[in-house]
Protein backbone atom coordinates (compact mmCIF):
# COMPACT_ATOMS: atom_id res chain seq x y z
CA MET A 1 138.56 13.32 54.83
CA THR A 2 137.63 16.99 55.27
CA ARG A 3 136.68 18.02 58.77
CA LYS A 4 134.62 21.04 59.47
CA TYR A 5 135.29 23.02 62.64
CA ASP A 6 132.59 24.79 64.61
CA LEU A 7 134.11 28.30 65.41
CA ASN A 8 132.21 28.33 68.71
CA SER A 9 133.84 25.42 70.17
CA PRO A 10 137.56 24.18 70.29
CA PRO A 11 138.76 21.88 67.73
CA PRO A 12 139.08 18.13 68.61
CA THR A 13 142.64 16.83 69.18
CA GLN A 14 142.16 13.60 67.21
CA ILE A 15 144.63 12.53 64.55
CA LEU A 16 142.76 12.30 61.15
CA ARG A 17 145.17 9.84 59.62
CA LYS A 18 144.91 7.01 62.15
CA GLU A 19 147.60 4.89 60.44
CA TYR A 20 150.03 7.43 61.71
CA ALA A 21 148.80 7.48 65.37
CA CYS A 22 151.07 6.23 68.13
CA ASP A 23 150.21 4.94 71.58
CA ASP A 24 151.24 6.30 74.96
CA GLU A 25 154.30 4.08 75.28
CA TRP A 26 155.70 5.30 71.93
CA ILE A 27 154.97 8.81 73.03
CA CYS A 28 156.85 8.34 76.27
CA GLN A 29 159.85 6.82 74.41
CA PHE A 30 159.77 9.55 71.89
CA LEU A 31 159.96 12.38 74.55
CA SER A 32 162.81 10.58 76.29
CA ARG A 33 164.89 10.97 73.01
CA ALA A 34 163.59 14.15 71.24
CA GLU A 35 166.02 16.98 71.77
CA VAL A 36 163.93 20.19 71.21
CA GLY A 37 160.48 21.13 71.99
CA HIS A 38 158.26 24.14 71.40
CA ILE A 39 156.11 25.57 74.03
CA ALA A 40 153.10 27.81 72.69
CA THR A 41 151.66 30.33 75.09
CA HIS A 42 149.68 33.54 74.38
CA TRP A 43 149.17 37.01 75.65
CA GLU A 44 145.49 37.87 74.79
CA TYR A 45 145.40 37.38 71.05
CA GLN A 46 149.21 37.24 70.46
CA PRO A 47 150.64 33.71 70.23
CA PHE A 48 154.16 33.10 71.27
CA ILE A 49 156.28 30.01 70.64
CA THR A 50 159.52 29.16 72.46
CA PRO A 51 161.87 26.45 71.54
CA MET A 52 163.19 24.70 74.70
CA LEU A 53 165.19 21.81 75.93
CA PHE A 54 162.79 19.72 78.01
CA TRP A 55 162.40 16.69 80.30
CA TYR A 56 159.29 14.43 80.50
CA ASP A 57 158.58 12.88 83.84
CA SER A 58 156.45 9.74 83.53
CA GLN A 59 155.91 9.78 87.34
CA THR A 60 154.23 13.28 87.36
CA HIS A 61 153.08 13.24 83.75
CA GLU A 62 154.55 16.67 83.23
CA ILE A 63 156.86 18.15 80.83
CA TYR A 64 159.52 20.45 82.51
CA PHE A 65 161.60 23.14 81.00
CA HIS A 66 163.27 26.32 82.37
CA SER A 67 164.05 29.97 81.49
CA HIS A 68 165.29 33.10 83.35
CA ILE A 69 162.97 34.18 86.19
CA ALA A 70 161.71 37.23 84.17
CA GLY A 71 160.50 37.31 80.69
CA ARG A 72 157.69 36.79 78.27
CA MET A 73 157.15 33.04 79.08
CA LEU A 74 156.41 33.89 82.79
CA ALA A 75 154.25 36.89 81.95
CA ASN A 76 152.26 34.78 79.39
CA ILE A 77 151.55 31.78 81.76
CA GLN A 78 150.78 34.03 84.75
CA ARG A 79 147.96 35.41 82.72
CA HIS A 80 147.09 32.39 80.61
CA PRO A 81 148.38 28.98 81.84
CA GLU A 82 146.87 27.16 79.00
CA ALA A 83 149.58 26.06 76.63
CA CYS A 84 150.56 23.51 73.89
CA PHE A 85 153.82 21.66 73.56
CA GLU A 86 155.36 20.12 70.37
CA SER A 87 158.28 18.22 69.55
CA CYS A 88 159.28 16.59 66.19
CA VAL A 89 162.00 14.68 64.44
CA MET A 90 162.40 15.04 60.73
CA GLY A 91 163.85 12.26 58.49
CA LYS A 92 164.22 12.40 54.55
CA LEU A 93 162.27 14.49 52.22
CA LEU A 94 160.41 12.21 49.81
CA PRO A 95 159.83 13.39 46.21
CA SER A 96 157.09 12.15 44.08
CA ASN A 97 156.04 12.39 40.41
CA ALA A 98 152.86 14.23 41.55
CA ALA A 99 152.76 17.55 43.25
CA MET A 100 150.21 16.49 45.94
CA GLU A 101 152.14 13.40 46.84
CA PHE A 102 155.55 15.06 47.90
CA ALA A 103 156.16 14.09 51.61
CA MET A 104 158.68 13.74 54.41
CA GLN A 105 159.37 11.24 57.09
CA TYR A 106 158.61 12.49 60.54
CA GLU A 107 157.75 11.69 64.08
CA SER A 108 155.97 14.14 66.45
CA VAL A 109 154.16 14.69 69.70
CA VAL A 110 151.77 17.40 70.67
CA ALA A 111 150.46 17.84 74.20
CA PHE A 112 147.92 20.24 75.78
CA GLY A 113 147.77 21.26 79.34
CA LYS A 114 148.35 24.01 81.84
CA ILE A 115 151.82 25.42 82.77
CA ARG A 116 152.75 26.07 86.39
CA LEU A 117 155.75 27.77 87.83
CA LEU A 118 157.47 25.48 90.31
CA ALA A 119 158.03 27.31 93.75
CA GLU A 120 159.81 24.81 95.91
CA MET A 121 163.53 24.72 95.51
CA GLU A 122 163.86 20.92 95.81
CA ASP A 123 161.20 20.51 92.95
CA LYS A 124 163.13 22.81 90.91
CA ARG A 125 166.45 21.22 91.63
CA ARG A 126 164.95 17.74 90.91
CA CYS A 127 163.54 18.96 87.42
CA LEU A 128 166.75 20.68 86.52
CA TYR A 129 168.73 17.49 87.25
CA GLY A 130 166.12 15.54 85.30
CA LEU A 131 166.94 17.82 82.33
CA ILE A 132 170.71 17.46 82.76
CA GLY A 133 170.25 13.71 82.98
CA LYS A 134 168.21 13.53 79.78
CA TYR A 135 170.81 15.40 77.68
CA PHE A 136 174.06 14.39 79.63
CA PRO A 137 173.42 10.94 80.99
CA ASP A 138 176.97 10.07 81.63
CA LEU A 139 177.79 13.15 83.80
CA GLN A 140 177.31 13.42 87.54
CA ALA A 141 176.75 16.40 89.71
CA GLY A 142 179.61 16.86 92.11
CA VAL A 143 181.86 14.61 89.83
CA GLU A 144 182.08 16.16 86.37
CA TYR A 145 180.39 19.32 87.07
CA ARG A 146 179.49 21.63 90.12
CA PRO A 147 176.05 21.06 91.55
CA ILE A 148 173.27 23.45 91.20
CA THR A 149 173.45 26.08 93.79
CA ASP A 150 170.63 27.93 95.69
CA VAL A 151 171.57 31.24 94.09
CA GLU A 152 171.14 29.73 90.59
CA LEU A 153 167.86 28.21 91.57
CA LYS A 154 166.67 31.63 92.73
CA ILE A 155 167.29 33.16 89.32
CA THR A 156 165.85 30.31 87.34
CA ALA A 157 162.07 29.78 86.48
CA VAL A 158 161.25 26.04 86.21
CA PHE A 159 157.97 25.27 84.64
CA GLY A 160 155.86 22.12 84.47
CA LEU A 161 153.31 21.57 81.85
CA LYS A 162 150.60 19.30 83.34
CA ILE A 163 149.38 17.20 80.44
CA ASP A 164 145.69 16.92 79.97
CA SER A 165 145.84 15.35 76.36
CA TRP A 166 148.53 14.30 73.88
CA SER A 167 148.93 12.62 70.61
CA GLY A 168 151.93 11.04 68.72
CA LYS A 169 152.29 10.56 65.01
CA ARG A 170 154.78 8.80 63.04
CA ASN A 171 155.18 8.67 59.20
CA TRP A 172 158.39 7.15 58.19
CA GLN A 173 157.65 5.59 54.72
CA GLU A 174 160.47 4.95 52.50
CA LYS A 175 158.99 6.38 49.34
CA ALA A 176 156.33 8.95 48.54
CA VAL A 177 153.33 7.82 46.62
CA GLN A 178 154.00 7.76 42.81
CA ILE A 179 151.16 8.13 40.20
CA THR A 180 150.78 5.86 37.27
CA ASP A 181 149.82 8.41 34.62
CA TRP A 182 153.13 10.41 34.85
CA PRO A 183 156.61 8.91 34.29
CA ALA A 184 157.99 7.61 37.55
CA LEU A 185 160.89 9.22 39.20
CA SER A 186 164.16 7.22 39.03
CA GLU A 187 165.60 6.11 42.33
């Protein structure tokens, strides 16, 4: 199905292939296991994508990430807080006997919203421990590693993307489509 976009209004955030669409519960589970996300911000007409470790907090419905207190990310969001987040997991490449049917297995989430810089020290600390807990669930502050210090918090920018909308997709077929009017690929 071909979709025409009106250049005077934003494109819809609907998934065209409904059979790949995933529900909110799946999206939450995906975000808890996905390792890397990408944050897209912009400065005027210059887009900027940053790969990040991230933590999704279902209580606040925000995606949290961090960087140094000074830099491009902070400058971009101070001027334009609207952003897009993406994370994906790739499976196998799927060959076909027709060029238009080559495919890959993938799972992905895209979210839209506004980014804010967290100001309160305890909010920053909570989110940074949330990040550590996601990636290192078996390690405890004060036991296996030194807890976050106030000095470290002062030089760390912690951001929250307040999610306005999101979508999840999953295409994990075992084989690509094969056409009948060309010799089939051997397995």
